[in-house]
Amino acid sequence: MVGWHLLLSFDGVTLDLAQSWENGEEMAPIFSGACWAGTVVWPAALDLCDYMSEHLRQAMVGATVVELGCGIGVPGMVARLLGATVVLTEQDELLSLLDRNLDGNFAGHPRGEGGIRREALDWEREADTDGLLASLERSGTAPGEAEGEPGAGVRRRSTRLDFVLCADCVFEPLYGDSWKALAKVMGRLSDAGTTVLCSVERRGVDGVPEFLRACEAEGFSLQTVYRAAPSAPAPVELYEFSKGVFRGEAVAVVESDGGMEGGDGKGKPMEGEGGGALEVVDGGAVSPGAGSKSTAR
């Protein structure tokens, strides 16, 4: 691929992810408003991927997943590789880059054919959310009653959305109070059977506490299922939101150096399903703390 890109390895599959437009003059990620953040892979996205791999492998098989504010789509792509049907959503400005990565990594791939697509979604535009819900309903997936228990480990035609993913989409100095619209979109997409997983990198006065209160106002209960130890390169926290029953276990402090281990609130690892973690093979635009260097190709 021309321009900046990132190589990630997961379960024997290498994802070659473009982080700049397909233009010979564009050799670095774009920096226009907050849009540039969508071209960077942040530690919160990598930790969310590791959590899914470690604790949700069975639940992802046959599940239906929507990722909000997906950027170049790493968590959603990992969900697809775990066996889910995935809809990646992002603002119009990043769709061509997202298309490039989907075409480059999933076209003709047995785990990608028909199982991962993208939709335009601006959280501030209710019409976009209406369109996404209509699209999910046409495909047989929308908030409602499920035909079977989620996470049964078998493919099924779902009549509800099983998971909503969101990685590092709340940071007031960059995104303003867009978290208000994000909370409302999460509320509209979810019913009692939907699990929302939201990872954030805590950065001082970031708007996260206000966002969590807004989610509670949308009818969610919430718990922290992962919190990086103070020694970790990036202070990532992962929250689970539910209008029904929680899937994971709440933690207090996880003694981790930044790798995803989970915990029981006493610094002890939770028992997970195992499986390989997402590995940065070669870095393009990766945030400090994600364990890679910056390399132009």
C-alpha atoms as a PDB file:
ATOM      1  CA  MET A   1       0.000   0.000   0.000  1.00  0.00           C
ATOM      2  CA  VAL A   2       1.114   3.574  -0.720  1.00  0.00           C
ATOM      3  CA  GLY A   3       1.527   5.904   2.250  1.00  0.00           C
ATOM      4  CA  TRP A   4       1.508   5.240   5.966  1.00  0.00           C
ATOM      5  CA  HIS A   5       0.228   1.883   7.063  1.00  0.00           C
ATOM      6  CA  LEU A   6       0.186  -0.491   9.994  1.00  0.00           C
ATOM      7  CA  LEU A   7       0.691  -4.248  10.067  1.00  0.00           C
ATOM      8  CA  LEU A   8      -1.249  -6.149  12.728  1.00  0.00           C
ATOM      9  CA  SER A   9      -1.269  -9.905  13.273  1.00  0.00           C
ATOM     10  CA  PHE A  10      -4.186 -11.765  14.837  1.00  0.00           C
ATOM     11  CA  ASP A  11      -4.836 -15.512  14.869  1.00  0.00           C
ATOM     12  CA  GLY A  12      -2.474 -16.077  11.963  1.00  0.00           C
ATOM     13  CA  VAL A  13      -4.041 -13.325   9.841  1.00  0.00           C
ATOM     14  CA  THR A  14      -2.062 -10.192   8.980  1.00  0.00           C
ATOM     15  CA  LEU A  15      -4.045  -6.986   8.573  1.00  0.00           C
ATOM     16  CA  ASP A  16      -2.297  -4.401   6.383  1.00  0.00           C
ATOM     17  CA  LEU A  17      -4.055  -1.168   7.308  1.00  0.00           C
ATOM     18  CA  ALA A  18      -3.687   2.056   5.339  1.00  0.00           C
ATOM     19  CA  GLN A  19      -3.585   5.213   7.447  1.00  0.00           C
ATOM     20  CA  SER A  20      -3.431   7.788   4.645  1.00  0.00           C
ATOM     21  CA  TRP A  21      -5.349   8.378   1.450  1.00  0.00           C
ATOM     22  CA  GLU A  22      -4.431   6.526  -1.728  1.00  0.00           C
ATOM     23  CA  ASN A  23      -2.471   9.477  -3.095  1.00  0.00           C
ATOM     24  CA  GLY A  24       1.237   9.559  -3.850  1.00  0.00           C
ATOM     25  CA  GLU A  25       1.548  13.010  -2.276  1.00  0.00           C
ATOM     26  CA  GLU A  26      -0.096  11.901   0.963  1.00  0.00           C
ATOM     27  CA  MET A  27       2.661  10.087   2.845  1.00  0.00           C
ATOM     28  CA  ALA A  28       1.443  10.732   6.386  1.00  0.00           C
ATOM     29  CA  PRO A  29      -1.856  10.552   8.267  1.00  0.00           C
ATOM     30  CA  ILE A  30      -4.199  13.438   7.704  1.00  0.00           C
ATOM     31  CA  PHE A  31      -4.377  16.220  10.266  1.00  0.00           C
ATOM     32  CA  SER A  32      -7.623  18.121   9.748  1.00  0.00           C
ATOM     33  CA  GLY A  33      -9.659  18.947  12.827  1.00  0.00           C
ATOM     34  CA  ALA A  34     -10.429  15.837  14.854  1.00  0.00           C
ATOM     35  CA  CYS A  35     -10.565  13.639  11.762  1.00  0.00           C
ATOM     36  CA  TRP A  36      -6.857  12.758  11.999  1.00  0.00           C
ATOM     37  CA  ALA A  37      -7.538  10.810  15.207  1.00  0.00           C
ATOM     38  CA  GLY A  38      -9.455   8.242  13.171  1.00  0.00           C
ATOM     39  CA  THR A  39      -6.307   7.351  11.223  1.00  0.00           C
ATOM     40  CA  VAL A  40      -4.343   6.481  14.380  1.00  0.00           C
ATOM     41  CA  VAL A  41      -4.573   3.169  16.231  1.00  0.00           C
ATOM     42  CA  TRP A  42      -4.828   4.050  19.922  1.00  0.00           C
ATOM     43  CA  PRO A  43      -3.978   1.821  22.904  1.00  0.00           C
ATOM     44  CA  ALA A  44      -7.664   1.696  23.881  1.00  0.00           C
ATOM     45  CA  ALA A  45      -8.465  -0.007  20.562  1.00  0.00           C
ATOM     46  CA  LEU A  46      -5.737  -2.613  21.017  1.00  0.00           C
ATOM     47  CA  ASP A  47      -6.816  -3.350  24.592  1.00  0.00           C
ATOM     48  CA  LEU A  48     -10.433  -3.763  23.462  1.00  0.00           C
ATOM     49  CA  CYS A  49      -9.269  -6.278  20.840  1.00  0.00           C
ATOM     50  CA  ASP A  50      -7.298  -8.222  23.423  1.00  0.00           C
ATOM     51  CA  TYR A  51     -10.305  -8.294  25.769  1.00  0.00           C
ATOM     52  CA  MET A  52     -12.516  -9.740  23.030  1.00  0.00           C
ATOM     53  CA  SER A  53      -9.892 -12.338  22.178  1.00  0.00           C
ATOM     54  CA  GLU A  54      -9.361 -13.367  25.782  1.00  0.00           C
ATOM     55  CA  HIS A  55     -12.924 -13.306  27.134  1.00  0.00           C
ATOM     56  CA  LEU A  56     -15.440 -13.233  24.258  1.00  0.00           C
ATOM     57  CA  ARG A  57     -14.210 -15.699  21.654  1.00  0.00           C
ATOM     58  CA  GLN A  58     -17.214 -17.988  21.950  1.00  0.00           C
ATOM     59  CA  ALA A  59     -19.688 -15.131  22.257  1.00  0.00           C
ATOM     60  CA  MET A  60     -18.407 -13.507  19.047  1.00  0.00           C
ATOM     61  CA  VAL A  61     -19.099 -16.555  16.880  1.00  0.00           C
ATOM     62  CA  GLY A  62     -22.318 -15.798  15.023  1.00  0.00           C
ATOM     63  CA  ALA A  63     -22.859 -12.522  16.887  1.00  0.00           C
ATOM     64  CA  THR A  64     -23.824  -9.255  15.219  1.00  0.00           C
ATOM     65  CA  VAL A  65     -21.564  -6.323  16.038  1.00  0.00           C
ATOM     66  CA  VAL A  66     -21.607  -2.592  15.326  1.00  0.00           C
ATOM     67  CA  GLU A  67     -18.522  -0.469  15.930  1.00  0.00           C
ATOM     68  CA  LEU A  68     -19.103   3.242  16.514  1.00  0.00           C
ATOM     69  CA  GLY A  69     -16.493   5.811  15.512  1.00  0.00           C
ATOM     70  CA  CYS A  70     -14.393   3.001  14.104  1.00  0.00           C
ATOM     71  CA  GLY A  71     -11.594   5.016  12.464  1.00  0.00           C
ATOM     72  CA  ILE A  72      -9.729   2.461  10.363  1.00  0.00           C
ATOM     73  CA  GLY A  73     -11.787  -0.289  11.994  1.00  0.00           C
ATOM     74  CA  VAL A  74      -9.381  -2.441  14.015  1.00  0.00           C
ATOM     75  CA  PRO A  75     -11.726  -3.691  16.810  1.00  0.00           C
ATOM     76  CA  GLY A  76     -14.497  -4.420  14.315  1.00  0.00           C
ATOM     77  CA  MET A  77     -12.110  -6.297  12.050  1.00  0.00           C
ATOM     78  CA  VAL A  78     -10.913  -8.408  14.971  1.00  0.00           C
ATOM     79  CA  ALA A  79     -14.555  -9.147  15.861  1.00  0.00           C
ATOM     80  CA  ARG A  80     -15.040 -10.337  12.284  1.00  0.00           C
ATOM     81  CA  LEU A  81     -11.974 -12.581  12.515  1.00  0.00           C
ATOM     82  CA  LEU A  82     -13.503 -14.041  15.680  1.00  0.00           C
ATOM     83  CA  GLY A  83     -16.611 -15.007  13.703  1.00  0.00           C
ATOM     84  CA  ALA A  84     -19.009 -12.074  14.082  1.00  0.00           C
ATOM     85  CA  THR A  85     -20.979 -10.264  11.408  1.00  0.00           C
ATOM     86  CA  VAL A  86     -19.810  -6.666  11.650  1.00  0.00           C
ATOM     87  CA  VAL A  87     -20.970  -3.199  10.634  1.00  0.00           C
ATOM     88  CA  LEU A  88     -18.275  -0.532  10.918  1.00  0.00           C
ATOM     89  CA  THR A  89     -19.569   3.029  11.248  1.00  0.00           C
ATOM     90  CA  GLU A  90     -17.740   6.306  10.753  1.00  0.00           C
ATOM     91  CA  GLN A  91     -18.240   9.847   9.489  1.00  0.00           C
ATOM     92  CA  ASP A  92     -18.223  10.532   5.754  1.00  0.00           C
ATOM     93  CA  GLU A  93     -14.689  11.961   5.742  1.00  0.00           C
ATOM     94  CA  LEU A  94     -13.100   8.620   6.642  1.00  0.00           C
ATOM     95  CA  LEU A  95     -15.238   6.255   4.572  1.00  0.00           C
ATOM     96  CA  SER A  96     -12.893   6.118   1.571  1.00  0.00           C
ATOM     97  CA  LEU A  97      -9.997   5.136   3.843  1.00  0.00           C
ATOM     98  CA  LEU A  98     -12.209   2.547   5.531  1.00  0.00           C
ATOM     99  CA  ASP A  99     -13.235   1.157   2.139  1.00  0.00           C
ATOM    100  CA  ARG A 100      -9.587   0.871   1.169  1.00  0.00           C
ATOM    101  CA  ASN A 101      -8.821  -1.196   4.251  1.00  0.00           C
ATOM    102  CA  LEU A 102     -11.856  -3.441   3.861  1.00  0.00           C
ATOM    103  CA  ASP A 103     -11.049  -4.080   0.200  1.00  0.00           C
ATOM    104  CA  GLY A 104      -7.395  -4.722   0.983  1.00  0.00           C
ATOM    105  CA  ASN A 105      -7.952  -7.120   3.863  1.00  0.00           C
ATOM    106  CA  PHE A 106     -11.338  -8.807   3.484  1.00  0.00           C
ATOM    107  CA  ALA A 107     -12.222  -8.965  -0.212  1.00  0.00           C
ATOM    108  CA  GLY A 108     -12.374 -12.654  -1.073  1.00  0.00           C
ATOM    109  CA  HIS A 109     -11.318 -13.679   2.414  1.00  0.00           C
ATOM    110  CA  PRO A 110     -13.461 -16.573   3.719  1.00  0.00           C
ATOM    111  CA  ARG A 111     -13.911 -14.745   7.022  1.00  0.00           C
ATOM    112  CA  GLY A 112     -14.694 -11.462   5.330  1.00  0.00           C
ATOM    113  CA  GLU A 113     -17.019 -12.216   2.436  1.00  0.00           C
ATOM    114  CA  GLY A 114     -20.416 -10.791   3.237  1.00  0.00           C
ATOM    115  CA  GLY A 115     -19.552 -10.585   6.913  1.00  0.00           C
ATOM    116  CA  ILE A 116     -18.179  -7.075   7.320  1.00  0.00           C
ATOM    117  CA  ARG A 117     -19.367  -3.804   5.833  1.00  0.00           C
ATOM    118  CA  ARG A 118     -19.430  -0.115   6.629  1.00  0.00           C
ATOM    119  CA  GLU A 119     -22.122   2.523   7.056  1.00  0.00           C
ATOM    120  CA  ALA A 120     -21.926   6.297   7.332  1.00  0.00           C
ATOM    121  CA  LEU A 121     -22.889   7.468  10.812  1.00  0.00           C
ATOM    122  CA  ASP A 122     -22.646  10.934  12.287  1.00  0.00           C
ATOM    123  CA  TRP A 123     -23.872  10.684  15.879  1.00  0.00           C
ATOM    124  CA  GLU A 124     -25.288  14.206  15.686  1.00  0.00           C
ATOM    125  CA  ARG A 125     -27.571  13.336  12.752  1.00  0.00           C
ATOM    126  CA  GLU A 126     -30.621  11.370  13.824  1.00  0.00           C
ATOM    127  CA  ALA A 127     -31.271  10.484  10.189  1.00  0.00           C
ATOM    128  CA  ASP A 128     -27.990   8.561  10.113  1.00  0.00           C
ATOM    129  CA  THR A 129     -29.001   6.518  13.158  1.00  0.00           C
ATOM    130  CA  ASP A 130     -32.426   5.928  11.596  1.00  0.00           C
ATOM    131  CA  GLY A 131     -30.690   4.694   8.453  1.00  0.00           C
ATOM    132  CA  LEU A 132     -28.415   2.352  10.401  1.00  0.00           C
ATOM    133  CA  LEU A 133     -31.358   0.889  12.314  1.00  0.00           C
ATOM    134  CA  ALA A 134     -33.264   0.400   9.056  1.00  0.00           C
ATOM    135  CA  SER A 135     -30.232  -1.326   7.537  1.00  0.00           C
ATOM    136  CA  LEU A 136     -29.921  -3.621  10.544  1.00  0.00           C
ATOM    137  CA  GLU A 137     -33.625  -4.427  10.370  1.00  0.00           C
ATOM    138  CA  ARG A 138     -33.383  -5.314   6.684  1.00  0.00           C
ATOM    139  CA  SER A 139     -30.564  -7.712   7.505  1.00  0.00           C
ATOM    140  CA  GLY A 140     -32.592  -9.238  10.336  1.00  0.00           C
ATOM    141  CA  THR A 141     -30.665  -7.494  13.090  1.00  0.00           C
ATOM    142  CA  ALA A 142     -32.167  -4.731  15.168  1.00  0.00           C
ATOM    143  CA  PRO A 143     -33.011  -4.150  18.826  1.00  0.00           C
ATOM    144  CA  GLY A 144     -35.638  -6.740  19.710  1.00  0.00           C
ATOM    145  CA  GLU A 145     -36.004 -10.321  20.857  1.00  0.00           C
ATOM    146  CA  ALA A 146     -33.299 -12.858  20.057  1.00  0.00           C
ATOM    147  CA  GLU A 147     -34.012 -16.308  18.653  1.00  0.00           C
ATOM    148  CA  GLY A 148     -31.403 -17.958  20.855  1.00  0.00           C
ATOM    149  CA  GLU A 149     -29.002 -17.336  23.681  1.00  0.00           C
ATOM    150  CA  PRO A 150     -26.113 -15.084  22.626  1.00  0.00           C
ATOM    151  CA  GLY A 151     -22.673 -16.605  22.820  1.00  0.00           C
ATOM    152  CA  ALA A 152     -23.841 -20.147  22.116  1.00  0.00           C
ATOM    153  CA  GLY A 153     -20.866 -20.613  19.820  1.00  0.00           C
ATOM    154  CA  VAL A 154     -22.958 -21.421  16.743  1.00  0.00           C
ATOM    155  CA  ARG A 155     -23.871 -19.264  13.794  1.00  0.00           C
ATOM    156  CA  ARG A 156     -27.438 -18.071  13.822  1.00  0.00           C
ATOM    157  CA  ARG A 157     -29.613 -15.430  12.251  1.00  0.00           C
ATOM    158  CA  SER A 158     -29.895 -12.839  14.995  1.00  0.00           C
ATOM    159  CA  THR A 159     -32.860 -10.528  15.386  1.00  0.00           C
ATOM    160  CA  ARG A 160     -30.986  -8.215  17.690  1.00  0.00           C
ATOM    161  CA  LEU A 161     -27.662  -6.483  17.978  1.00  0.00           C
ATOM    162  CA  ASP A 162     -25.373  -8.483  20.237  1.00  0.00           C
ATOM    163  CA  PHE A 163     -22.443  -6.101  20.678  1.00  0.00           C
ATOM    164  CA  VAL A 164     -21.701  -2.421  20.225  1.00  0.00           C
ATOM    165  CA  LEU A 165     -18.001  -1.497  20.276  1.00  0.00           C
ATOM    166  CA  CYS A 166     -16.473   1.914  20.836  1.00  0.00           C
ATOM    167  CA  ALA A 167     -12.754   2.668  21.301  1.00  0.00           C
ATOM    168  CA  ASP A 168     -11.375   6.017  22.485  1.00  0.00           C
ATOM    169  CA  CYS A 169     -14.249   8.162  21.232  1.00  0.00           C
ATOM    170  CA  VAL A 170     -14.571  10.344  24.343  1.00  0.00           C
ATOM    171  CA  PHE A 171     -12.031  13.149  24.823  1.00  0.00           C
ATOM    172  CA  GLU A 172     -13.477  16.632  25.232  1.00  0.00           C
ATOM    173  CA  PRO A 173     -10.358  18.640  24.268  1.00  0.00           C
ATOM    174  CA  LEU A 174     -10.498  17.011  20.812  1.00  0.00           C
ATOM    175  CA  TYR A 175     -14.099  15.912  20.253  1.00  0.00           C
ATOM    176  CA  GLY A 176     -15.960  18.430  22.417  1.00  0.00           C
ATOM    177  CA  ASP A 177     -19.189  17.191  23.963  1.00  0.00           C
ATOM    178  CA  SER A 178     -19.963  14.760  21.135  1.00  0.00           C
ATOM    179  CA  TRP A 179     -20.197  12.153  23.925  1.00  0.00           C
ATOM    180  CA  LYS A 180     -23.756  13.385  24.477  1.00  0.00           C
ATOM    181  CA  ALA A 181     -24.778  12.234  21.003  1.00  0.00           C
ATOM    182  CA  LEU A 182     -22.701   9.053  21.359  1.00  0.00           C
ATOM    183  CA  ALA A 183     -24.607   8.059  24.504  1.00  0.00           C
ATOM    184  CA  LYS A 184     -27.938   8.603  22.728  1.00  0.00           C
ATOM    185  CA  VAL A 185     -26.873   6.515  19.720  1.00  0.00           C
ATOM    186  CA  MET A 186     -25.726   3.716  22.023  1.00  0.00           C
ATOM    187  CA  GLY A 187     -29.106   3.869  23.748  1.00  0.00           C
ATOM    188  CA  ARG A 188     -31.034   3.636  20.488  1.00  0.00           C
ATOM    189  CA  LEU A 189     -29.002   0.688  19.229  1.00  0.00           C
ATOM    190  CA  SER A 190     -29.285  -1.356  22.412  1.00  0.00           C
ATOM    191  CA  ASP A 191     -31.881  -3.505  24.102  1.00  0.00           C
ATOM    192  CA  ALA A 192     -31.649  -5.830  27.100  1.00  0.00           C
ATOM    193  CA  GLY A 193     -29.636  -8.345  25.089  1.00  0.00           C
ATOM    194  CA  THR A 194     -27.019  -5.933  23.763  1.00  0.00           C
ATOM    195  CA  THR A 195     -23.586  -5.614  25.339  1.00  0.00           C
ATOM    196  CA  VAL A 196     -21.770  -2.321  24.805  1.00  0.00           C
ATOM    197  CA  LEU A 197     -17.992  -2.356  25.256  1.00  0.00           C
ATOM    198  CA  CYS A 198     -16.404   1.072  25.447  1.00  0.00           C
ATOM    199  CA  SER A 199     -12.664   1.548  25.980  1.00  0.00           C
ATOM    200  CA  VAL A 200     -11.101   4.916  26.749  1.00  0.00           C
ATOM    201  CA  GLU A 201      -7.661   6.231  27.524  1.00  0.00           C
ATOM    202  CA  ARG A 202      -8.037   8.502  30.542  1.00  0.00           C
ATOM    203  CA  ARG A 203      -6.434  11.909  30.034  1.00  0.00           C
ATOM    204  CA  GLY A 204      -7.199  14.294  32.880  1.00  0.00           C
ATOM    205  CA  VAL A 205     -10.285  16.447  32.273  1.00  0.00           C
ATOM    206  CA  ASP A 206     -11.578  14.303  29.418  1.00  0.00           C
ATOM    207  CA  GLY A 207     -15.372  14.267  29.782  1.00  0.00           C
ATOM    208  CA  VAL A 208     -15.507  10.551  30.590  1.00  0.00           C
ATOM    209  CA  PRO A 209     -17.345  10.913  33.956  1.00  0.00           C
ATOM    210  CA  GLU A 210     -20.019  13.034  32.270  1.00  0.00           C
ATOM    211  CA  PHE A 211     -20.280  10.498  29.446  1.00  0.00           C
ATOM    212  CA  LEU A 212     -20.806   7.655  31.910  1.00  0.00           C
ATOM    213  CA  ARG A 213     -23.608   9.586  33.613  1.00  0.00           C
ATOM    214  CA  ALA A 214     -25.212  10.239  30.220  1.00  0.00           C
ATOM    215  CA  CYS A 215     -25.130   6.499  29.496  1.00  0.00           C
ATOM    216  CA  GLU A 216     -26.861   5.786  32.796  1.00  0.00           C
ATOM    217  CA  ALA A 217     -29.526   8.313  31.788  1.00  0.00           C
ATOM    218  CA  GLU A 218     -30.047   6.253  28.605  1.00  0.00           C
ATOM    219  CA  GLY A 219     -31.015   3.258  30.745  1.00  0.00           C
ATOM    220  CA  PHE A 220     -27.655   1.505  30.949  1.00  0.00           C
ATOM    221  CA  SER A 221     -26.084  -0.095  33.962  1.00  0.00           C
ATOM    222  CA  LEU A 222     -22.310  -0.011  33.744  1.00  0.00           C
ATOM    223  CA  GLN A 223     -19.251  -1.637  35.216  1.00  0.00           C
ATOM    224  CA  THR A 224     -15.509  -1.453  34.661  1.00  0.00           C
ATOM    225  CA  VAL A 225     -14.177  -4.758  33.330  1.00  0.00           C
ATOM    226  CA  TYR A 226     -10.566  -3.656  32.840  1.00  0.00           C
ATOM    227  CA  ARG A 227      -8.379  -0.908  34.220  1.00  0.00           C
ATOM    228  CA  ALA A 228      -4.680  -0.676  33.419  1.00  0.00           C
ATOM    229  CA  ALA A 229      -2.289  -0.519  36.348  1.00  0.00           C
ATOM    230  CA  PRO A 230      -0.541   2.791  37.119  1.00  0.00           C
ATOM    231  CA  SER A 231       2.649   1.389  35.583  1.00  0.00           C
ATOM    232  CA  ALA A 232       0.985   0.808  32.207  1.00  0.00           C
ATOM    233  CA  PRO A 233       2.113   3.001  29.273  1.00  0.00           C
ATOM    234  CA  ALA A 234      -1.477   4.116  28.649  1.00  0.00           C
ATOM    235  CA  PRO A 235      -4.164   4.485  31.362  1.00  0.00           C
ATOM    236  CA  VAL A 236      -6.870   2.558  29.519  1.00  0.00           C
ATOM    237  CA  GLU A 237     -10.210   1.670  31.083  1.00  0.00           C
ATOM    238  CA  LEU A 238     -12.797  -0.648  29.536  1.00  0.00           C
ATOM    239  CA  TYR A 239     -16.461  -0.328  30.475  1.00  0.00           C
ATOM    240  CA  GLU A 240     -19.341  -2.693  29.865  1.00  0.00           C
ATOM    241  CA  PHE A 241     -22.793  -1.152  29.478  1.00  0.00           C
ATOM    242  CA  SER A 242     -25.961  -3.213  29.579  1.00  0.00           C
ATOM    243  CA  LYS A 243     -29.713  -2.747  29.858  1.00  0.00           C
ATOM    244  CA  GLY A 244     -29.913  -6.376  30.976  1.00  0.00           C
ATOM    245  CA  VAL A 245     -27.369  -8.836  32.383  1.00  0.00           C
ATOM    246  CA  PHE A 246     -23.627  -8.189  32.376  1.00  0.00           C
ATOM    247  CA  ARG A 247     -21.370 -10.637  30.534  1.00  0.00           C
ATOM    248  CA  GLY A 248     -18.089  -9.745  32.240  1.00  0.00           C
ATOM    249  CA  GLU A 249     -16.953  -9.253  35.816  1.00  0.00           C
ATOM    250  CA  ALA A 250     -16.338  -5.899  37.456  1.00  0.00           C
ATOM    251  CA  VAL A 251     -12.805  -5.110  38.557  1.00  0.00           C
ATOM    252  CA  ALA A 252     -11.271  -2.606  40.937  1.00  0.00           C
ATOM    253  CA  VAL A 253      -7.608  -2.430  39.866  1.00  0.00           C
ATOM    254  CA  VAL A 254      -5.939  -4.818  37.469  1.00  0.00           C
ATOM    255  CA  GLU A 255      -2.233  -5.361  38.043  1.00  0.00           C
ATOM    256  CA  SER A 256      -1.254  -5.275  34.404  1.00  0.00           C
ATOM    257  CA  ASP A 257       1.559  -3.590  32.546  1.00  0.00           C
ATOM    258  CA  GLY A 258      -0.751  -2.721  29.706  1.00  0.00           C
ATOM    259  CA  GLY A 259      -1.434  -6.153  28.220  1.00  0.00           C
ATOM    260  CA  MET A 260      -4.987  -7.391  28.531  1.00  0.00           C
ATOM    261  CA  GLU A 261      -5.331  -9.816  31.417  1.00  0.00           C
ATOM    262  CA  GLY A 262      -8.587  -8.842  33.071  1.00  0.00           C
ATOM    263  CA  GLY A 263      -8.966  -9.225  36.803  1.00  0.00           C
ATOM    264  CA  ASP A 264     -11.126 -10.101  39.761  1.00  0.00           C
ATOM    265  CA  GLY A 265     -10.747  -6.805  41.609  1.00  0.00           C
ATOM    266  CA  LYS A 266      -7.916  -8.171  43.761  1.00  0.00           C
ATOM    267  CA  GLY A 267      -5.142  -7.924  41.214  1.00  0.00           C
ATOM    268  CA  LYS A 268      -5.612 -11.533  40.098  1.00  0.00           C
ATOM    269  CA  PRO A 269      -6.230 -12.431  36.458  1.00  0.00           C
ATOM    270  CA  MET A 270      -9.694 -13.584  35.466  1.00  0.00           C
ATOM    271  CA  GLU A 271     -10.019 -16.944  33.801  1.00  0.00           C
ATOM    272  CA  GLY A 272     -10.535 -16.320  30.128  1.00  0.00           C
ATOM    273  CA  GLU A 273     -11.094 -18.347  27.003  1.00  0.00           C
ATOM    274  CA  GLY A 274      -7.491 -17.891  25.893  1.00  0.00           C
ATOM    275  CA  GLY A 275      -6.329 -17.210  22.370  1.00  0.00           C
ATOM    276  CA  GLY A 276      -3.763 -14.995  20.731  1.00  0.00           C
ATOM    277  CA  ALA A 277      -3.560 -11.292  21.387  1.00  0.00           C
ATOM    278  CA  LEU A 278      -3.411  -8.663  18.654  1.00  0.00           C
ATOM    279  CA  GLU A 279       0.226  -8.008  17.772  1.00  0.00           C
ATOM    280  CA  VAL A 280       1.696  -4.882  16.191  1.00  0.00           C
ATOM    281  CA  VAL A 281       4.042  -6.295  13.546  1.00  0.00           C
ATOM    282  CA  ASP A 282       5.151  -2.985  12.049  1.00  0.00           C
ATOM    283  CA  GLY A 283       3.940   0.438  13.047  1.00  0.00           C
ATOM    284  CA  GLY A 284       2.546   3.320  11.069  1.00  0.00           C
ATOM    285  CA  ALA A 285       0.653   5.894  13.115  1.00  0.00           C
ATOM    286  CA  VAL A 286       0.332   4.165  16.464  1.00  0.00           C
ATOM    287  CA  SER A 287      -0.196   6.212  19.582  1.00  0.00           C
ATOM    288  CA  PRO A 288       2.582   6.119  22.185  1.00  0.00           C
ATOM    289  CA  GLY A 289       1.706   3.376  24.622  1.00  0.00           C
ATOM    290  CA  ALA A 290       0.612   0.976  21.918  1.00  0.00           C
ATOM    291  CA  GLY A 291       4.082  -0.484  21.704  1.00  0.00           C
ATOM    292  CA  SER A 292       5.219   0.413  18.218  1.00  0.00           C
ATOM    293  CA  LYS A 293       7.270   2.942  16.318  1.00  0.00           C
ATOM    294  CA  SER A 294       6.227   5.224  13.496  1.00  0.00           C
ATOM    295  CA  THR A 295       7.274   4.035  10.043  1.00  0.00           C
ATOM    296  CA  ALA A 296       6.433   5.419   6.600  1.00  0.00           C
ATOM    297  CA  ARG A 297       6.253   3.029   3.664  1.00  0.00           C
END
